[in-house]
Amino acid sequence: MNGDWLEVVKWLTTPIVTLLGIWLTNKYNLKNLAAQHDRLLTKDAQQRQYEFRKEIYRPIAAEFVKMNQTLAATLTGEVTQDEFNERITECSGAVAAIQLVASPQTVLLVQKFALSCSRALVDGMPANNESARLKQLVAAAANADERLQNEKILYSHVLSCIDRLTLTIDQLHEQSVPVIVATRLELGLHTSFEEYSAISQEVAKVSKKMLHDMADRLRQSVVL
């Protein structure tokens, strides 16, 4: 009789134990799935935030490059008033956009650097216009001797511009390091200030060498 009861109890409890096991397993799996889902949501939110911030910072980085290219173009008088106005306007707009996402410290660094770039371009425009005027005189020369004389005047003017631009490049490269490091930190890209300073100095060194080589060729032309 006892054996019969044991069989009955066993028959009754086996489904209950099985269901309990299934319930516990499902509860554990659901908990893991929920945690995994939360991690994916967090990761996705972080990625979307990074992409959004990157799109905000991309224009200002591009504008700083364009400002430097325009500054270099002032040597030979190639910057028109429309191009000058466009650079100042576009740079100001890009700087304004980062105020949506950047810390006050980063905004201040970027604004100061943008102001330095704009000031350098403003200061370079008179020399740009003079280079353009002298180039016109070279093109309008009545004979070879007049053309040669006008070319020497043009080259002498460009030489003085190179000296000014070399100093400006040094200043801008020095100011750019904290701006770039702060911007990368805003994007979660940690960068050593010392490492980036060394990179910036190397870039400035190459830029200055190119200008010095150009100046040497111009001096030879002036002597000839």
N, C-alpha and C. Protein backbone atom coordinates (compact mmCIF):
# COMPACT_ATOMS: atom_id res chain seq x y z
N MET A 1 0.83 -1.21 0.00
CA MET A 1 0.00 0.00 0.00
C MET A 1 0.86 1.25 0.00
N ASN A 2 1.91 1.20 0.86
CA ASN A 2 2.80 2.36 0.90
C ASN A 2 3.46 2.58 -0.43
N GLY A 3 3.82 1.46 -1.10
CA GLY A 3 4.44 1.57 -2.41
C GLY A 3 3.51 2.22 -3.41
N ASP A 4 2.21 1.92 -3.30
CA ASP A 4 1.24 2.54 -4.21
C ASP A 4 1.16 4.03 -3.99
N TRP A 5 1.15 4.44 -2.68
CA TRP A 5 1.10 5.87 -2.39
C TRP A 5 2.34 6.60 -2.90
N LEU A 6 3.49 5.97 -2.77
CA LEU A 6 4.72 6.58 -3.27
C LEU A 6 4.64 6.81 -4.77
N GLU A 7 4.05 5.85 -5.46
CA GLU A 7 3.91 6.01 -6.90
C GLU A 7 2.97 7.15 -7.24
N VAL A 8 1.89 7.27 -6.43
CA VAL A 8 0.93 8.35 -6.66
C VAL A 8 1.56 9.71 -6.42
N VAL A 9 2.29 9.80 -5.27
CA VAL A 9 2.96 11.07 -4.93
C VAL A 9 3.98 11.42 -6.02
N LYS A 10 4.72 10.43 -6.43
CA LYS A 10 5.72 10.65 -7.48
C LYS A 10 5.05 11.12 -8.76
N TRP A 11 3.92 10.50 -9.08
CA TRP A 11 3.19 10.86 -10.30
C TRP A 11 2.65 12.28 -10.23
N LEU A 12 2.21 12.69 -9.03
CA LEU A 12 1.66 14.03 -8.85
C LEU A 12 2.73 15.12 -8.83
N THR A 13 3.88 14.85 -8.20
CA THR A 13 4.91 15.88 -8.00
C THR A 13 5.81 16.06 -9.20
N THR A 14 5.97 15.06 -10.01
CA THR A 14 6.88 15.18 -11.16
C THR A 14 6.50 16.32 -12.09
N PRO A 15 5.24 16.48 -12.50
CA PRO A 15 4.87 17.62 -13.36
C PRO A 15 5.11 18.97 -12.67
N ILE A 16 4.83 18.98 -11.31
CA ILE A 16 5.02 20.24 -10.58
C ILE A 16 6.49 20.65 -10.57
N VAL A 17 7.36 19.70 -10.28
CA VAL A 17 8.80 19.97 -10.26
C VAL A 17 9.27 20.39 -11.65
N THR A 18 8.74 19.71 -12.66
CA THR A 18 9.13 20.04 -14.04
C THR A 18 8.70 21.46 -14.40
N LEU A 19 7.46 21.81 -14.07
CA LEU A 19 6.95 23.15 -14.34
C LEU A 19 7.74 24.21 -13.58
N LEU A 20 8.09 23.88 -12.31
CA LEU A 20 8.87 24.81 -11.50
C LEU A 20 10.24 25.05 -12.13
N GLY A 21 10.83 23.97 -12.62
CA GLY A 21 12.14 24.08 -13.29
C GLY A 21 12.05 24.95 -14.54
N ILE A 22 10.99 24.72 -15.31
CA ILE A 22 10.79 25.51 -16.53
C ILE A 22 10.59 26.98 -16.18
N TRP A 23 9.79 27.23 -15.13
CA TRP A 23 9.50 28.62 -14.72
C TRP A 23 10.77 29.33 -14.27
N LEU A 24 11.58 28.62 -13.46
CA LEU A 24 12.83 29.22 -12.98
C LEU A 24 13.79 29.49 -14.15
N THR A 25 13.84 28.55 -15.08
CA THR A 25 14.72 28.72 -16.24
C THR A 25 14.28 29.91 -17.08
N ASN A 26 12.97 29.98 -17.32
CA ASN A 26 12.45 31.09 -18.12
C ASN A 26 12.67 32.43 -17.42
N LYS A 27 12.49 32.44 -16.10
CA LYS A 27 12.70 33.67 -15.34
C LYS A 27 14.16 34.12 -15.45
N TYR A 28 15.09 33.15 -15.36
CA TYR A 28 16.52 33.46 -15.47
C TYR A 28 16.84 33.96 -16.88
N ASN A 29 16.28 33.30 -17.89
CA ASN A 29 16.53 33.71 -19.28
C ASN A 29 15.96 35.10 -19.56
N LEU A 30 14.75 35.35 -19.04
CA LEU A 30 14.15 36.67 -19.24
C LEU A 30 14.97 37.77 -18.58
N LYS A 31 15.51 37.45 -17.39
CA LYS A 31 16.36 38.42 -16.69
C LYS A 31 17.62 38.71 -17.49
N ASN A 32 18.23 37.67 -18.04
CA ASN A 32 19.42 37.84 -18.87
C ASN A 32 19.11 38.62 -20.14
N LEU A 33 17.96 38.28 -20.77
CA LEU A 33 17.56 38.98 -21.98
C LEU A 33 17.30 40.46 -21.70
N ALA A 34 16.68 40.75 -20.56
CA ALA A 34 16.41 42.14 -20.20
C ALA A 34 17.72 42.91 -19.98
N ALA A 35 18.67 42.26 -19.28
CA ALA A 35 19.96 42.91 -19.04
C ALA A 35 20.70 43.14 -20.35
N GLN A 36 20.66 42.12 -21.23
CA GLN A 36 21.30 42.25 -22.53
C GLN A 36 20.65 43.34 -23.36
N HIS A 37 19.31 43.41 -23.28
CA HIS A 37 18.57 44.45 -24.02
C HIS A 37 18.96 45.84 -23.51
N ASP A 38 19.08 45.97 -22.18
CA ASP A 38 19.47 47.26 -21.60
C ASP A 38 20.87 47.66 -22.04
N ARG A 39 21.77 46.66 -22.07
CA ARG A 39 23.14 46.95 -22.52
C ARG A 39 23.17 47.40 -23.97
N LEU A 40 22.37 46.73 -24.81
CA LEU A 40 22.31 47.11 -26.22
C LEU A 40 21.72 48.49 -26.40
N LEU A 41 20.68 48.80 -25.60
CA LEU A 41 20.08 50.13 -25.69
C LEU A 41 21.09 51.20 -25.29
N THR A 42 21.83 50.93 -24.21
CA THR A 42 22.84 51.88 -23.74
C THR A 42 23.92 52.08 -24.79
N LYS A 43 24.39 50.96 -25.34
CA LYS A 43 25.43 51.02 -26.37
C LYS A 43 24.93 51.76 -27.60
N ASP A 44 23.66 51.47 -27.99
CA ASP A 44 23.09 52.13 -29.17
C ASP A 44 22.93 53.63 -28.92
N ALA A 45 22.50 53.98 -27.70
CA ALA A 45 22.34 55.40 -27.37
C ALA A 45 23.68 56.11 -27.39
N GLN A 46 24.70 55.45 -26.87
CA GLN A 46 26.04 56.04 -26.87
C GLN A 46 26.56 56.22 -28.28
N GLN A 47 26.30 55.24 -29.14
CA GLN A 47 26.75 55.32 -30.52
C GLN A 47 26.03 56.45 -31.26
N ARG A 48 24.71 56.56 -31.04
CA ARG A 48 23.94 57.61 -31.69
C ARG A 48 24.37 58.99 -31.18
N GLN A 49 24.68 59.07 -29.89
CA GLN A 49 25.15 60.34 -29.34
C GLN A 49 26.50 60.71 -29.94
N TYR A 50 27.38 59.71 -30.09
CA TYR A 50 28.69 59.96 -30.69
C TYR A 50 28.55 60.44 -32.13
N GLU A 51 27.69 59.78 -32.90
CA GLU A 51 27.49 60.16 -34.30
C GLU A 51 26.92 61.59 -34.40
N PHE A 52 25.99 61.90 -33.51
CA PHE A 52 25.40 63.24 -33.51
C PHE A 52 26.47 64.30 -33.20
N ARG A 53 27.26 64.04 -32.17
CA ARG A 53 28.29 65.01 -31.78
C ARG A 53 29.36 65.12 -32.87
N LYS A 54 29.68 64.01 -33.50
CA LYS A 54 30.69 64.03 -34.56
C LYS A 54 30.23 64.89 -35.72
N GLU A 55 28.94 64.80 -36.06
CA GLU A 55 28.41 65.61 -37.16
C GLU A 55 28.41 67.09 -36.82
N ILE A 56 28.31 67.41 -35.52
CA ILE A 56 28.37 68.80 -35.10
C ILE A 56 29.80 69.33 -35.21
N TYR A 57 30.76 68.49 -34.82
CA TYR A 57 32.16 68.92 -34.80
C TYR A 57 32.82 68.87 -36.18
N ARG A 58 32.31 68.03 -37.07
CA ARG A 58 32.95 67.88 -38.38
C ARG A 58 33.06 69.21 -39.14
N PRO A 59 31.98 70.03 -39.21
CA PRO A 59 32.08 71.29 -39.97
C PRO A 59 33.14 72.25 -39.43
N ILE A 60 33.27 72.33 -38.10
CA ILE A 60 34.26 73.27 -37.56
C ILE A 60 35.67 72.80 -37.87
N ALA A 61 35.91 71.49 -37.86
CA ALA A 61 37.23 70.98 -38.23
C ALA A 61 37.52 71.28 -39.69
N ALA A 62 36.50 71.09 -40.54
CA ALA A 62 36.68 71.37 -41.97
C ALA A 62 36.92 72.85 -42.21
N GLU A 63 36.23 73.70 -41.45
CA GLU A 63 36.38 75.15 -41.62
C GLU A 63 37.77 75.62 -41.21
N PHE A 64 38.31 75.02 -40.16
CA PHE A 64 39.66 75.41 -39.75
C PHE A 64 40.68 75.07 -40.84
N VAL A 65 40.48 73.93 -41.50
CA VAL A 65 41.36 73.56 -42.61
C VAL A 65 41.22 74.55 -43.77
N LYS A 66 39.97 74.89 -44.09
CA LYS A 66 39.73 75.83 -45.19
C LYS A 66 40.28 77.22 -44.87
N MET A 67 40.18 77.62 -43.61
CA MET A 67 40.71 78.92 -43.21
C MET A 67 42.22 78.97 -43.45
N ASN A 68 42.90 77.90 -43.10
CA ASN A 68 44.36 77.84 -43.31
C ASN A 68 44.71 77.81 -44.79
N GLN A 69 43.92 77.10 -45.58
CA GLN A 69 44.15 77.07 -47.03
C GLN A 69 43.94 78.45 -47.64
N THR A 70 42.89 79.13 -47.18
CA THR A 70 42.62 80.49 -47.68
C THR A 70 43.72 81.44 -47.26
N LEU A 71 44.21 81.27 -46.04
CA LEU A 71 45.30 82.11 -45.55
C LEU A 71 46.54 81.94 -46.42
N ALA A 72 46.85 80.71 -46.79
CA ALA A 72 48.00 80.46 -47.66
C ALA A 72 47.80 81.08 -49.03
N ALA A 73 46.56 81.10 -49.51
CA ALA A 73 46.27 81.64 -50.84
C ALA A 73 46.43 83.16 -50.90
N THR A 74 46.46 83.82 -49.73
CA THR A 74 46.65 85.28 -49.73
C THR A 74 48.05 85.66 -50.22
N LEU A 75 48.99 84.71 -50.16
CA LEU A 75 50.35 85.00 -50.61
C LEU A 75 50.38 85.46 -52.06
N THR A 76 49.59 84.81 -52.87
CA THR A 76 49.61 85.10 -54.31
C THR A 76 48.38 85.87 -54.78
N GLY A 77 47.62 86.44 -53.84
CA GLY A 77 46.50 87.28 -54.22
C GLY A 77 45.34 86.55 -54.85
N GLU A 78 45.09 85.32 -54.42
CA GLU A 78 44.06 84.50 -55.05
C GLU A 78 42.71 84.53 -54.32
N VAL A 79 42.64 85.24 -53.21
CA VAL A 79 41.41 85.23 -52.42
C VAL A 79 40.53 86.41 -52.81
N THR A 80 39.34 86.11 -53.30
CA THR A 80 38.39 87.17 -53.66
C THR A 80 37.64 87.63 -52.42
N GLN A 81 36.97 88.76 -52.53
CA GLN A 81 36.19 89.26 -51.41
C GLN A 81 35.05 88.32 -51.06
N ASP A 82 34.46 87.70 -52.08
CA ASP A 82 33.37 86.73 -51.83
C ASP A 82 33.90 85.52 -51.07
N GLU A 83 35.08 85.03 -51.44
CA GLU A 83 35.67 83.88 -50.74
C GLU A 83 35.99 84.24 -49.30
N PHE A 84 36.51 85.44 -49.10
CA PHE A 84 36.80 85.91 -47.75
C PHE A 84 35.53 85.95 -46.90
N ASN A 85 34.48 86.53 -47.44
CA ASN A 85 33.21 86.63 -46.71
C ASN A 85 32.65 85.25 -46.40
N GLU A 86 32.77 84.33 -47.35
CA GLU A 86 32.26 82.98 -47.15
C GLU A 86 32.98 82.26 -46.02
N ARG A 87 34.31 82.39 -45.98
CA ARG A 87 35.07 81.73 -44.94
C ARG A 87 34.69 82.25 -43.56
N ILE A 88 34.60 83.57 -43.42
CA ILE A 88 34.26 84.15 -42.13
C ILE A 88 32.86 83.72 -41.69
N THR A 89 31.91 83.73 -42.63
CA THR A 89 30.53 83.36 -42.33
C THR A 89 30.40 81.89 -41.96
N GLU A 90 31.01 81.02 -42.77
CA GLU A 90 30.91 79.58 -42.53
C GLU A 90 31.60 79.18 -41.22
N CYS A 91 32.72 79.79 -40.94
CA CYS A 91 33.43 79.48 -39.70
C CYS A 91 32.61 79.90 -38.49
N SER A 92 32.01 81.07 -38.56
CA SER A 92 31.17 81.56 -37.46
C SER A 92 29.98 80.63 -37.22
N GLY A 93 29.37 80.15 -38.32
CA GLY A 93 28.24 79.24 -38.19
C GLY A 93 28.63 77.91 -37.57
N ALA A 94 29.78 77.39 -37.95
CA ALA A 94 30.25 76.11 -37.41
C ALA A 94 30.58 76.24 -35.93
N VAL A 95 31.16 77.36 -35.54
CA VAL A 95 31.47 77.60 -34.13
C VAL A 95 30.19 77.69 -33.31
N ALA A 96 29.19 78.37 -33.85
CA ALA A 96 27.92 78.52 -33.14
C ALA A 96 27.26 77.16 -32.91
N ALA A 97 27.41 76.23 -33.85
CA ALA A 97 26.74 74.93 -33.75
C ALA A 97 27.25 74.10 -32.58
N ILE A 98 28.54 74.20 -32.26
CA ILE A 98 29.09 73.34 -31.21
C ILE A 98 28.59 73.74 -29.83
N GLN A 99 28.02 74.93 -29.70
CA GLN A 99 27.48 75.34 -28.41
C GLN A 99 26.31 74.46 -27.99
N LEU A 100 25.76 73.69 -28.94
CA LEU A 100 24.66 72.78 -28.64
C LEU A 100 25.12 71.58 -27.83
N VAL A 101 26.38 71.19 -27.97
CA VAL A 101 26.83 69.93 -27.38
C VAL A 101 28.08 70.04 -26.53
N ALA A 102 28.90 71.06 -26.73
CA ALA A 102 30.21 71.13 -26.07
C ALA A 102 30.11 71.74 -24.69
N SER A 103 31.12 71.43 -23.88
CA SER A 103 31.22 72.05 -22.56
C SER A 103 31.61 73.52 -22.72
N PRO A 104 31.34 74.35 -21.73
CA PRO A 104 31.72 75.77 -21.83
C PRO A 104 33.21 75.97 -22.08
N GLN A 105 34.04 75.12 -21.48
CA GLN A 105 35.49 75.25 -21.67
C GLN A 105 35.88 75.00 -23.12
N THR A 106 35.28 73.95 -23.72
CA THR A 106 35.59 73.64 -25.11
C THR A 106 35.07 74.73 -26.04
N VAL A 107 33.87 75.22 -25.76
CA VAL A 107 33.30 76.30 -26.57
C VAL A 107 34.23 77.51 -26.55
N LEU A 108 34.75 77.85 -25.38
CA LEU A 108 35.63 79.00 -25.26
C LEU A 108 36.93 78.79 -26.05
N LEU A 109 37.50 77.60 -25.97
CA LEU A 109 38.73 77.30 -26.71
C LEU A 109 38.50 77.42 -28.22
N VAL A 110 37.40 76.83 -28.68
CA VAL A 110 37.10 76.86 -30.11
C VAL A 110 36.83 78.29 -30.58
N GLN A 111 36.09 79.04 -29.80
CA GLN A 111 35.78 80.42 -30.18
C GLN A 111 37.05 81.27 -30.28
N LYS A 112 37.95 81.09 -29.32
CA LYS A 112 39.21 81.85 -29.34
C LYS A 112 40.06 81.49 -30.55
N PHE A 113 40.11 80.19 -30.87
CA PHE A 113 40.91 79.77 -32.02
C PHE A 113 40.29 80.25 -33.32
N ALA A 114 38.96 80.18 -33.42
CA ALA A 114 38.29 80.67 -34.62
C ALA A 114 38.53 82.17 -34.79
N LEU A 115 38.53 82.89 -33.69
CA LEU A 115 38.79 84.33 -33.75
C LEU A 115 40.22 84.60 -34.22
N SER A 116 41.16 83.79 -33.77
CA SER A 116 42.55 83.95 -34.21
C SER A 116 42.69 83.68 -35.70
N CYS A 117 42.01 82.63 -36.18
CA CYS A 117 42.05 82.32 -37.62
C CYS A 117 41.42 83.45 -38.43
N SER A 118 40.29 83.95 -37.95
CA SER A 118 39.62 85.04 -38.67
C SER A 118 40.47 86.30 -38.68
N ARG A 119 41.10 86.59 -37.54
CA ARG A 119 41.94 87.78 -37.47
C ARG A 119 43.13 87.65 -38.42
N ALA A 120 43.71 86.45 -38.47
CA ALA A 120 44.84 86.23 -39.37
C ALA A 120 44.43 86.44 -40.82
N LEU A 121 43.23 85.98 -41.17
CA LEU A 121 42.75 86.15 -42.54
C LEU A 121 42.45 87.62 -42.84
N VAL A 122 41.86 88.30 -41.87
CA VAL A 122 41.59 89.74 -42.04
C VAL A 122 42.91 90.50 -42.25
N ASP A 123 43.90 90.18 -41.42
CA ASP A 123 45.20 90.84 -41.53
C ASP A 123 45.90 90.52 -42.85
N GLY A 124 45.59 89.34 -43.41
CA GLY A 124 46.25 88.93 -44.65
C GLY A 124 45.61 89.48 -45.92
N MET A 125 44.40 90.00 -45.81
CA MET A 125 43.70 90.47 -47.01
C MET A 125 44.35 91.68 -47.68
N PRO A 126 44.87 92.68 -46.96
CA PRO A 126 45.56 93.78 -47.66
C PRO A 126 46.74 93.28 -48.48
N ALA A 127 47.51 92.35 -47.93
CA ALA A 127 48.64 91.79 -48.67
C ALA A 127 48.14 90.98 -49.87
N ASN A 128 47.02 90.27 -49.68
CA ASN A 128 46.40 89.52 -50.77
C ASN A 128 46.01 90.46 -51.91
N ASN A 129 45.37 91.56 -51.57
CA ASN A 129 44.92 92.51 -52.59
C ASN A 129 46.11 93.16 -53.31
N GLU A 130 47.19 93.39 -52.56
CA GLU A 130 48.38 93.98 -53.18
C GLU A 130 49.03 92.98 -54.14
N SER A 131 49.05 91.71 -53.75
CA SER A 131 49.60 90.68 -54.64
C SER A 131 48.78 90.60 -55.92
N ALA A 132 47.46 90.68 -55.79
CA ALA A 132 46.58 90.64 -56.97
C ALA A 132 46.85 91.84 -57.88
N ARG A 133 47.05 93.01 -57.27
CA ARG A 133 47.31 94.22 -58.07
C ARG A 133 48.65 94.11 -58.81
N LEU A 134 49.67 93.62 -58.11
CA LEU A 134 50.99 93.49 -58.73
C LEU A 134 50.98 92.44 -59.85
N LYS A 135 50.20 91.40 -59.68
CA LYS A 135 50.08 90.39 -60.74
C LYS A 135 49.45 90.99 -61.99
N GLN A 136 48.52 91.88 -61.79
CA GLN A 136 47.90 92.55 -62.93
C GLN A 136 48.91 93.44 -63.66
N LEU A 137 49.78 94.08 -62.88
CA LEU A 137 50.82 94.91 -63.49
C LEU A 137 51.79 94.06 -64.31
N VAL A 138 52.11 92.89 -63.81
CA VAL A 138 52.98 91.98 -64.55
C VAL A 138 52.32 91.57 -65.85
N ALA A 139 51.04 91.24 -65.79
CA ALA A 139 50.31 90.80 -66.98
C ALA A 139 50.16 91.93 -68.00
N ALA A 140 50.11 93.17 -67.50
CA ALA A 140 49.86 94.30 -68.40
C ALA A 140 51.15 94.98 -68.87
N ALA A 141 52.30 94.40 -68.53
CA ALA A 141 53.58 95.03 -68.90
C ALA A 141 53.69 95.20 -70.41
N ALA A 142 54.24 96.35 -70.79
CA ALA A 142 54.33 96.67 -72.23
C ALA A 142 55.45 95.93 -72.93
N ASN A 143 56.49 95.57 -72.18
CA ASN A 143 57.63 94.87 -72.79
C ASN A 143 58.29 93.95 -71.76
N ALA A 144 59.30 93.21 -72.20
CA ALA A 144 59.96 92.23 -71.34
C ALA A 144 60.64 92.87 -70.15
N ASP A 145 61.28 94.01 -70.36
CA ASP A 145 61.99 94.68 -69.26
C ASP A 145 61.01 95.13 -68.17
N GLU A 146 59.90 95.72 -68.62
CA GLU A 146 58.89 96.18 -67.65
C GLU A 146 58.29 94.99 -66.91
N ARG A 147 58.08 93.91 -67.64
CA ARG A 147 57.52 92.70 -67.02
C ARG A 147 58.48 92.16 -65.96
N LEU A 148 59.77 92.12 -66.30
CA LEU A 148 60.77 91.61 -65.36
C LEU A 148 60.82 92.48 -64.11
N GLN A 149 60.78 93.79 -64.29
CA GLN A 149 60.80 94.70 -63.16
C GLN A 149 59.57 94.53 -62.27
N ASN A 150 58.42 94.39 -62.90
CA ASN A 150 57.19 94.20 -62.14
C ASN A 150 57.18 92.86 -61.39
N GLU A 151 57.78 91.85 -62.03
CA GLU A 151 57.87 90.55 -61.37
C GLU A 151 58.74 90.62 -60.12
N LYS A 152 59.82 91.35 -60.20
CA LYS A 152 60.71 91.50 -59.04
C LYS A 152 59.99 92.21 -57.89
N ILE A 153 59.19 93.20 -58.24
CA ILE A 153 58.41 93.90 -57.21
C ILE A 153 57.40 92.95 -56.57
N LEU A 154 56.76 92.14 -57.42
CA LEU A 154 55.80 91.16 -56.93
C LEU A 154 56.48 90.15 -56.01
N TYR A 155 57.63 89.62 -56.43
CA TYR A 155 58.33 88.61 -55.64
C TYR A 155 58.80 89.19 -54.31
N SER A 156 59.25 90.43 -54.31
CA SER A 156 59.68 91.07 -53.06
C SER A 156 58.51 91.21 -52.09
N HIS A 157 57.36 91.54 -52.65
CA HIS A 157 56.15 91.66 -51.82
C HIS A 157 55.77 90.30 -51.23
N VAL A 158 55.80 89.26 -52.06
CA VAL A 158 55.43 87.92 -51.58
C VAL A 158 56.41 87.46 -50.50
N LEU A 159 57.68 87.81 -50.65
CA LEU A 159 58.68 87.45 -49.63
C LEU A 159 58.32 88.04 -48.27
N SER A 160 57.91 89.28 -48.27
CA SER A 160 57.52 89.90 -47.00
C SER A 160 56.28 89.23 -46.42
N CYS A 161 55.39 88.78 -47.29
CA CYS A 161 54.18 88.07 -46.85
C CYS A 161 54.54 86.71 -46.25
N ILE A 162 55.54 86.05 -46.83
CA ILE A 162 55.96 84.75 -46.32
C ILE A 162 56.49 84.88 -44.91
N ASP A 163 57.26 85.91 -44.66
CA ASP A 163 57.79 86.13 -43.30
C ASP A 163 56.64 86.30 -42.31
N ARG A 164 55.64 87.06 -42.70
CA ARG A 164 54.48 87.27 -41.82
C ARG A 164 53.70 85.98 -41.62
N LEU A 165 53.50 85.23 -42.71
CA LEU A 165 52.70 84.01 -42.64
C LEU A 165 53.40 82.93 -41.82
N THR A 166 54.73 82.88 -41.89
CA THR A 166 55.48 81.89 -41.10
C THR A 166 55.24 82.10 -39.61
N LEU A 167 55.25 83.33 -39.17
CA LEU A 167 54.98 83.65 -37.77
C LEU A 167 53.54 83.29 -37.41
N THR A 168 52.62 83.58 -38.31
CA THR A 168 51.20 83.28 -38.06
C THR A 168 50.97 81.78 -37.94
N ILE A 169 51.65 81.00 -38.79
CA ILE A 169 51.51 79.54 -38.74
C ILE A 169 51.96 79.00 -37.38
N ASP A 170 53.08 79.52 -36.89
CA ASP A 170 53.56 79.10 -35.57
C ASP A 170 52.51 79.35 -34.50
N GLN A 171 51.93 80.53 -34.51
CA GLN A 171 50.94 80.90 -33.50
C GLN A 171 49.69 80.04 -33.60
N LEU A 172 49.21 79.82 -34.81
CA LEU A 172 47.97 79.05 -35.00
C LEU A 172 48.17 77.58 -34.63
N HIS A 173 49.30 77.01 -35.00
CA HIS A 173 49.55 75.61 -34.64
C HIS A 173 49.64 75.45 -33.12
N GLU A 174 50.24 76.40 -32.46
CA GLU A 174 50.34 76.34 -31.00
C GLU A 174 48.96 76.42 -30.36
N GLN A 175 48.12 77.30 -30.89
CA GLN A 175 46.77 77.46 -30.34
C GLN A 175 45.85 76.29 -30.68
N SER A 176 46.15 75.58 -31.76
CA SER A 176 45.26 74.51 -32.22
C SER A 176 45.31 73.28 -31.33
N VAL A 177 46.43 73.05 -30.65
CA VAL A 177 46.59 71.81 -29.87
C VAL A 177 45.53 71.66 -28.79
N PRO A 178 45.36 72.62 -27.87
CA PRO A 178 44.32 72.44 -26.84
C PRO A 178 42.92 72.34 -27.43
N VAL A 179 42.68 72.99 -28.56
CA VAL A 179 41.37 72.92 -29.21
C VAL A 179 41.11 71.49 -29.70
N ILE A 180 42.08 70.90 -30.37
CA ILE A 180 41.90 69.55 -30.92
C ILE A 180 41.78 68.52 -29.80
N VAL A 181 42.61 68.65 -28.78
CA VAL A 181 42.55 67.70 -27.66
C VAL A 181 41.20 67.79 -26.95
N ALA A 182 40.72 69.01 -26.71
CA ALA A 182 39.42 69.19 -26.05
C ALA A 182 38.29 68.63 -26.90
N THR A 183 38.37 68.84 -28.21
CA THR A 183 37.33 68.33 -29.12
C THR A 183 37.31 66.81 -29.11
N ARG A 184 38.48 66.19 -29.14
CA ARG A 184 38.54 64.72 -29.11
C ARG A 184 38.00 64.18 -27.79
N LEU A 185 38.28 64.88 -26.70
CA LEU A 185 37.74 64.45 -25.41
C LEU A 185 36.21 64.53 -25.40
N GLU A 186 35.67 65.55 -26.06
CA GLU A 186 34.21 65.68 -26.16
C GLU A 186 33.61 64.48 -26.88
N LEU A 187 34.38 63.89 -27.79
CA LEU A 187 33.91 62.73 -28.56
C LEU A 187 34.30 61.41 -27.90
N GLY A 188 34.91 61.50 -26.72
CA GLY A 188 35.33 60.28 -26.04
C GLY A 188 36.62 59.68 -26.57
N LEU A 189 37.37 60.47 -27.34
CA LEU A 189 38.63 60.00 -27.92
C LEU A 189 39.78 60.63 -27.15
N HIS A 190 40.25 59.94 -26.14
CA HIS A 190 41.27 60.49 -25.26
C HIS A 190 42.61 60.59 -25.98
N THR A 191 43.21 61.75 -25.90
CA THR A 191 44.46 62.03 -26.60
C THR A 191 45.41 62.76 -25.66
N SER A 192 46.65 62.32 -25.64
CA SER A 192 47.66 62.98 -24.83
C SER A 192 47.98 64.36 -25.40
N PHE A 193 47.96 65.36 -24.53
CA PHE A 193 48.29 66.72 -24.96
C PHE A 193 49.71 66.78 -25.49
N GLU A 194 50.62 66.09 -24.80
CA GLU A 194 52.03 66.10 -25.20
C GLU A 194 52.22 65.45 -26.56
N GLU A 195 51.54 64.32 -26.78
CA GLU A 195 51.66 63.62 -28.07
C GLU A 195 51.14 64.47 -29.21
N TYR A 196 49.98 65.08 -29.00
CA TYR A 196 49.40 65.88 -30.09
C TYR A 196 50.19 67.16 -30.30
N SER A 197 50.78 67.69 -29.23
CA SER A 197 51.62 68.88 -29.36
C SER A 197 52.83 68.56 -30.23
N ALA A 198 53.40 67.37 -30.02
CA ALA A 198 54.56 66.96 -30.83
C ALA A 198 54.15 66.80 -32.30
N ILE A 199 52.97 66.24 -32.54
CA ILE A 199 52.48 66.08 -33.91
C ILE A 199 52.28 67.45 -34.56
N SER A 200 51.67 68.37 -33.82
CA SER A 200 51.41 69.70 -34.35
C SER A 200 52.71 70.43 -34.67
N GLN A 201 53.69 70.29 -33.81
CA GLN A 201 54.99 70.93 -34.06
C GLN A 201 55.65 70.37 -35.32
N GLU A 202 55.49 69.08 -35.53
CA GLU A 202 56.07 68.46 -36.73
C GLU A 202 55.38 68.97 -37.99
N VAL A 203 54.04 69.09 -37.93
CA VAL A 203 53.29 69.62 -39.07
C VAL A 203 53.70 71.06 -39.36
N ALA A 204 53.83 71.86 -38.29
CA ALA A 204 54.25 73.25 -38.45
C ALA A 204 55.65 73.34 -39.04
N LYS A 205 56.50 72.42 -38.64
CA LYS A 205 57.87 72.39 -39.16
C LYS A 205 57.87 72.14 -40.67
N VAL A 206 57.06 71.19 -41.11
CA VAL A 206 56.96 70.88 -42.54
C VAL A 206 56.40 72.08 -43.31
N SER A 207 55.36 72.71 -42.75
CA SER A 207 54.75 73.86 -43.41
C SER A 207 55.74 75.01 -43.57
N LYS A 208 56.49 75.26 -42.51
CA LYS A 208 57.47 76.35 -42.56
C LYS A 208 58.60 76.04 -43.54
N LYS A 209 58.98 74.78 -43.63
CA LYS A 209 60.03 74.42 -44.59
C LYS A 209 59.58 74.69 -46.02
N MET A 210 58.30 74.36 -46.31
CA MET A 210 57.76 74.62 -47.64
C MET A 210 57.80 76.11 -47.95
N LEU A 211 57.44 76.93 -46.96
CA LEU A 211 57.46 78.38 -47.16
C LEU A 211 58.88 78.89 -47.33
N HIS A 212 59.82 78.34 -46.57
CA HIS A 212 61.21 78.76 -46.69
C HIS A 212 61.79 78.39 -48.06
N ASP A 213 61.44 77.21 -48.54
CA ASP A 213 61.89 76.80 -49.87
C ASP A 213 61.32 77.73 -50.95
N MET A 214 60.05 78.09 -50.79
CA MET A 214 59.42 79.01 -51.72
C MET A 214 60.11 80.38 -51.66
N ALA A 215 60.44 80.82 -50.46
CA ALA A 215 61.11 82.12 -50.29
C ALA A 215 62.49 82.11 -50.94
N ASP A 216 63.21 81.00 -50.81
CA ASP A 216 64.55 80.91 -51.41
C ASP A 216 64.47 81.02 -52.93
N ARG A 217 63.48 80.37 -53.53
CA ARG A 217 63.32 80.44 -54.98
C ARG A 217 62.96 81.87 -55.43
N LEU A 218 62.14 82.53 -54.64
CA LEU A 218 61.76 83.91 -54.97
C LEU A 218 62.95 84.85 -54.84
N ARG A 219 63.78 84.64 -53.84
CA ARG A 219 64.95 85.49 -53.68
C ARG A 219 65.89 85.35 -54.88
N GLN A 220 66.03 84.14 -55.36
CA GLN A 220 66.86 83.92 -56.54
C GLN A 220 66.29 84.66 -57.75
N SER A 221 64.96 84.66 -57.87
CA SER A 221 64.31 85.34 -58.98
C SER A 221 64.49 86.85 -58.87
N VAL A 222 64.44 87.37 -57.66
CA VAL A 222 64.62 88.81 -57.45
C VAL A 222 66.03 89.23 -57.81
N VAL A 223 67.02 88.40 -57.43
CA VAL A 223 68.42 88.71 -57.76
C VAL A 223 68.64 88.68 -59.26
N LEU A 224 68.04 87.69 -59.91
CA LEU A 224 68.20 87.58 -61.36
C LEU A 224 67.55 88.78 -62.04
